Amino acid sequence: MNYGLVAASNAPPYPSPCELYTTPGCRHCVKAKGVLHSRGISFQEKDVSCSPLYLAELSMRGAGSSMPQIFVGGQLVGGCDDMLRELR
């Protein structure tokens, strides 16, 4: 399934927003952010350790408890490995 993960230079006029729910010290979170940066894909990071609202939001969205949890266009992609599969 294509979630709209495209580089900024190839982005459609209204690309789907990418959201990453993260925690500090999470190596998979660091990897996901690095991959997105390297491909020019913008994202909003939501550190669940900084806001209980983010954690509640994540729970309400039906995502898993491992980090990162990645959403594109409001749809759950999954974790870092799931995102990497989508980007292939």
Protein backbone atom coordinates (compact mmCIF):
# COMPACT_ATOMS: atom_id res chain seq x y z
CA MET A 1 0.00 0.00 0.00
CA ASN A 2 1.34 3.43 -0.88
CA TYR A 3 0.93 5.85 2.01
CA GLY A 4 2.29 8.89 0.21
CA LEU A 5 5.85 8.66 1.51
CA VAL A 6 7.59 10.63 -1.22
CA ALA A 7 10.54 12.97 -1.25
CA ALA A 8 9.74 16.66 -1.17
CA SER A 9 11.05 17.18 -4.73
CA ASN A 10 8.63 14.55 -6.04
CA ALA A 11 5.79 15.42 -3.69
CA PRO A 12 2.30 16.08 -4.96
CA PRO A 13 0.93 19.59 -4.35
CA TYR A 14 -0.75 18.47 -1.11
CA PRO A 15 1.36 15.63 0.32
CA SER A 16 0.03 13.52 3.15
CA PRO A 17 1.42 14.66 6.47
CA CYS A 18 3.77 12.23 8.16
CA GLU A 19 3.65 11.89 11.96
CA LEU A 20 6.18 10.02 14.09
CA TYR A 21 5.40 9.11 17.68
CA THR A 22 8.76 8.68 19.40
CA THR A 23 10.53 8.28 22.72
CA PRO A 24 14.00 9.51 23.73
CA GLY A 25 16.85 7.05 23.28
CA CYS A 26 14.88 4.87 20.88
CA ARG A 27 17.30 3.65 18.20
CA HIS A 28 14.49 2.78 15.80
CA CYS A 29 13.08 6.29 16.21
CA VAL A 30 16.49 7.78 15.39
CA LYS A 31 16.77 5.51 12.34
CA ALA A 32 13.28 6.41 11.06
CA LYS A 33 13.93 10.14 11.45
CA GLY A 34 17.29 9.80 9.69
CA VAL A 35 15.78 7.94 6.74
CA LEU A 36 13.00 10.50 6.36
CA HIS A 37 15.48 13.40 6.58
CA SER A 38 17.79 11.78 4.02
CA ARG A 39 14.90 11.39 1.58
CA GLY A 40 13.63 14.92 2.09
CA ILE A 41 10.35 13.76 3.64
CA SER A 42 8.99 16.19 6.20
CA PHE A 43 7.33 14.92 9.34
CA GLN A 44 5.94 16.01 12.67
CA GLU A 45 7.60 14.34 15.66
CA LYS A 46 5.45 13.66 18.70
CA ASP A 47 7.58 12.65 21.68
CA VAL A 48 5.19 10.70 23.93
CA SER A 49 7.47 11.22 26.95
CA CYS A 50 6.88 14.98 26.76
CA SER A 51 3.12 14.93 26.54
CA PRO A 52 0.56 12.57 28.02
CA LEU A 53 -1.77 13.86 25.31
CA TYR A 54 0.43 12.29 22.63
CA LEU A 55 0.38 8.96 24.44
CA ALA A 56 -3.42 9.10 24.78
CA GLU A 57 -3.74 10.13 21.13
CA LEU A 58 -1.57 7.21 20.06
CA SER A 59 -3.66 4.79 22.10
CA MET A 60 -6.90 6.15 20.63
CA ARG A 61 -5.50 5.70 17.12
CA GLY A 62 -5.09 1.97 17.75
CA ALA A 63 -1.32 1.85 17.28
CA GLY A 64 1.05 -0.54 18.97
CA SER A 65 3.09 0.29 22.04
CA SER A 66 6.52 -0.04 20.42
CA MET A 67 8.24 3.03 19.05
CA PRO A 68 8.27 4.64 16.64
CA GLN A 69 4.70 4.55 15.43
CA ILE A 70 4.38 6.19 12.04
CA PHE A 71 1.26 7.61 10.43
CA VAL A 72 0.95 9.05 6.94
CA GLY A 73 -2.19 10.84 5.90
CA GLY A 74 -3.81 9.70 9.14
CA GLN A 75 -3.22 6.01 8.36
CA LEU A 76 -0.99 3.80 10.47
CA VAL A 77 2.08 2.62 8.59
CA GLY A 78 3.57 0.90 11.66
CA GLY A 79 7.12 1.00 12.96
CA CYS A 80 10.47 1.73 11.37
CA ASP A 81 10.74 -1.60 9.54
CA ASP A 82 7.22 -1.17 8.13
CA MET A 83 8.13 2.30 6.89
CA LEU A 84 11.33 0.99 5.26
CA ARG A 85 9.31 -1.66 3.39
CA GLU A 86 6.97 1.07 2.11
CA LEU A 87 9.89 3.17 0.91
CA ARG A 88 11.40 0.36 -1.21
